[in-house]
């Protein structure tokens, strides 16, 4: 399935999606979700997180919730407990728990990731954004400190200093 169509860069996909009317985007996501379900058949649960996104965007709440739950179960079976918590938080609409799970994923990734632009930094940045929206100032502070530590381990000193500054 993936070999039949792919974007060269994620920004192309985002630009195309942003230019499409909301109803059209919704229809396309629902069709992609259905096509992936059919194509992968019994293996579809391995794509549960991706399918959940397509069905959420396609306004099929029942399937989206079901796949969020399956994504949590798949993550737990792989002993990826932070991913399981994140998937369940998203399923339940628990944004505060989602922010905490993203921070935890940053912590886990930081043990093997010393790059300022790596997976740990991405998770910390996601947690920081969500925590800021939810006014979770202590979590925002923790994420900024963690980003600063990552930058000190793998980047220039001025970048490390910028990461540890808290927004006004």
Protein backbone atom coordinates (compact mmCIF):
# COMPACT_ATOMS: atom_id res chain seq x y z
CA UNK A 1 0.00 0.00 0.00
CA UNK A 2 2.69 2.49 1.03
CA UNK A 3 4.62 1.86 -2.18
CA UNK A 4 1.76 3.12 -4.35
CA UNK A 5 1.87 6.74 -3.14
CA UNK A 6 4.15 8.74 -0.89
CA UNK A 7 5.09 12.37 -0.36
CA UNK A 8 8.73 13.33 -0.78
CA UNK A 9 8.56 15.53 2.31
CA UNK A 10 5.99 15.82 5.13
CA UNK A 11 5.56 19.53 4.40
CA UNK A 12 4.16 18.69 0.94
CA UNK A 13 1.49 16.58 2.59
CA UNK A 14 0.72 19.31 5.11
CA UNK A 15 0.50 21.97 2.39
CA UNK A 16 -1.83 19.85 0.29
CA UNK A 17 -4.01 19.01 3.28
CA UNK A 18 -4.21 22.66 4.37
CA UNK A 19 -5.37 23.73 0.92
CA UNK A 20 -8.20 21.17 0.77
CA UNK A 21 -11.65 22.05 2.11
CA UNK A 22 -12.47 20.52 5.50
CA UNK A 23 -15.18 18.23 4.14
CA UNK A 24 -12.84 16.92 1.43
CA UNK A 25 -10.05 16.29 3.97
CA UNK A 26 -12.48 14.40 6.16
CA UNK A 27 -13.64 12.24 3.26
CA UNK A 28 -10.07 11.51 2.16
CA UNK A 29 -9.01 10.50 5.69
CA UNK A 30 -12.00 8.17 6.03
CA UNK A 31 -11.18 6.57 2.66
CA UNK A 32 -7.50 6.16 3.57
CA UNK A 33 -8.44 4.54 6.87
CA UNK A 34 -10.82 2.15 5.15
CA UNK A 35 -8.26 1.32 2.43
CA UNK A 36 -5.57 0.61 5.03
CA UNK A 37 -7.96 -1.63 6.99
CA UNK A 38 -8.71 -3.64 3.86
CA UNK A 39 -5.11 -3.79 2.66
CA UNK A 40 -3.68 -4.95 5.97
CA UNK A 41 -6.61 -7.14 6.99
CA UNK A 42 -5.76 -9.07 10.18
CA UNK A 43 -2.50 -7.11 10.52
CA UNK A 44 -4.36 -3.77 10.71
CA UNK A 45 -3.97 -3.59 14.53
CA UNK A 46 -0.24 -3.03 14.00
CA UNK A 47 -1.24 0.26 12.33
CA UNK A 48 -3.77 1.11 15.02
CA UNK A 49 -2.33 4.53 15.91
CA UNK A 50 -2.23 5.60 12.26
CA UNK A 51 -5.72 4.23 11.62
CA UNK A 52 -7.02 6.08 14.68
CA UNK A 53 -5.76 9.38 13.28
CA UNK A 54 -7.35 8.75 9.88
CA UNK A 55 -10.68 7.80 11.42
CA UNK A 56 -10.59 10.76 13.85
CA UNK A 57 -9.93 13.12 10.94
CA UNK A 58 -12.58 11.25 8.94
CA UNK A 59 -15.15 11.81 11.74
CA UNK A 60 -15.65 8.09 12.41
CA UNK A 61 -15.46 8.35 16.19
CA UNK A 62 -16.39 4.73 16.86
CA UNK A 63 -13.53 3.33 14.79
CA UNK A 64 -11.12 6.01 16.03
CA UNK A 65 -11.78 5.13 19.68
CA UNK A 66 -11.49 1.43 18.93
CA UNK A 67 -8.14 1.89 17.22
CA UNK A 68 -6.86 4.15 20.03
CA UNK A 69 -7.59 1.33 22.45
CA UNK A 70 -5.88 -1.23 20.17
CA UNK A 71 -2.86 1.10 19.85
CA UNK A 72 -2.60 1.20 23.63
CA UNK A 73 -2.83 -2.59 23.82
CA UNK A 74 -0.17 -3.05 21.11
CA UNK A 75 2.15 -0.61 22.90
CA UNK A 76 1.63 -2.38 26.22
CA UNK A 77 2.32 -5.76 24.60
CA UNK A 78 5.65 -4.36 23.35
CA UNK A 79 6.32 -3.17 26.90
CA UNK A 80 6.12 0.39 25.61
CA UNK A 81 4.14 1.55 28.60
CA UNK A 82 4.59 5.29 28.04
CA UNK A 83 3.21 4.89 24.49
CA UNK A 84 0.32 2.90 25.95
CA UNK A 85 -0.45 5.69 28.42
CA UNK A 86 -0.25 8.25 25.60
CA UNK A 87 -2.62 6.25 23.38
CA UNK A 88 -5.12 5.82 26.21
CA UNK A 89 -4.88 9.50 27.16
CA UNK A 90 -5.64 10.44 23.55
CA UNK A 91 -8.51 7.98 23.45
CA UNK A 92 -10.02 9.36 26.62
CA UNK A 93 -9.39 12.98 25.70
CA UNK A 94 -7.25 13.44 28.81
CA UNK A 95 -5.00 16.25 27.58
CA UNK A 96 -3.15 16.67 30.90
CA UNK A 97 -2.30 12.96 31.01
CA UNK A 98 -1.24 13.17 27.37
CA UNK A 99 1.21 16.00 28.23
CA UNK A 100 2.66 13.93 31.09
CA UNK A 101 2.99 10.87 28.84
CA UNK A 102 4.82 12.93 26.20
CA UNK A 103 7.22 14.16 28.88
CA UNK A 104 7.77 10.57 30.03
CA UNK A 105 8.47 9.50 26.43
CA UNK A 106 11.04 12.30 26.25
CA UNK A 107 12.67 10.98 29.41
CA UNK A 108 12.80 7.45 28.04
CA UNK A 109 14.18 8.57 24.67
CA UNK A 110 16.77 10.86 26.27
CA UNK A 111 18.64 7.90 27.74
CA UNK A 112 19.81 6.87 24.29
CA UNK A 113 19.41 10.15 22.41
CA UNK A 114 21.96 12.93 22.85
CA UNK A 115 20.90 14.95 19.83
CA UNK A 116 19.09 18.28 20.28
CA UNK A 117 16.93 17.47 17.25
CA UNK A 118 16.29 13.79 18.08
CA UNK A 119 13.30 11.84 19.32
CA UNK A 120 13.70 13.00 22.93
CA UNK A 121 13.75 16.65 21.89
CA UNK A 122 10.65 16.10 19.74
CA UNK A 123 8.72 14.55 22.63
CA UNK A 124 9.82 17.27 25.06
CA UNK A 125 8.79 19.93 22.54
CA UNK A 126 5.36 18.31 22.10
CA UNK A 127 4.94 18.08 25.89
CA UNK A 128 6.03 21.71 26.30
CA UNK A 129 3.50 22.95 23.74
CA UNK A 130 0.62 20.97 25.19
CA UNK A 131 1.55 21.81 28.79
CA UNK A 132 1.72 25.52 27.92
CA UNK A 133 -1.76 25.38 26.38
CA UNK A 134 -3.06 23.64 29.51
CA UNK A 135 -1.26 26.08 31.87
CA UNK A 136 0.84 23.29 33.38
CA UNK A 137 3.75 25.61 34.26
CA UNK A 138 5.75 23.08 36.32
CA UNK A 139 5.70 20.61 33.42
CA UNK A 140 6.70 23.38 30.99
CA UNK A 141 9.65 24.16 33.27
CA UNK A 142 10.67 20.48 33.48
CA UNK A 143 10.54 20.17 29.68
CA UNK A 144 12.64 23.31 29.18
CA UNK A 145 15.25 22.03 31.62
CA UNK A 146 15.31 18.64 29.89
CA UNK A 147 15.73 20.32 26.49
CA UNK A 148 18.59 22.35 27.95
CA UNK A 149 20.27 19.19 29.23
CA UNK A 150 19.92 17.58 25.80
CA UNK A 151 21.40 20.63 24.14
CA UNK A 152 24.32 20.69 26.59
CA UNK A 153 25.04 17.03 25.82
CA UNK A 154 24.93 17.37 22.07
CA UNK A 155 24.88 20.99 20.94
CA UNK A 156 26.47 24.40 21.22
CA UNK A 157 26.39 26.27 24.52
CA UNK A 158 24.22 29.14 23.21
CA UNK A 159 21.58 26.63 22.08
CA UNK A 160 21.66 24.99 25.52
CA UNK A 161 21.18 28.38 27.19
CA UNK A 162 18.25 29.20 24.88
CA UNK A 163 16.55 25.90 25.73
CA UNK A 164 16.69 26.47 29.45
CA UNK A 165 15.08 29.93 29.31
CA UNK A 166 11.43 29.83 30.27
CA UNK A 167 8.94 31.78 28.16
CA UNK A 168 7.49 34.93 29.74
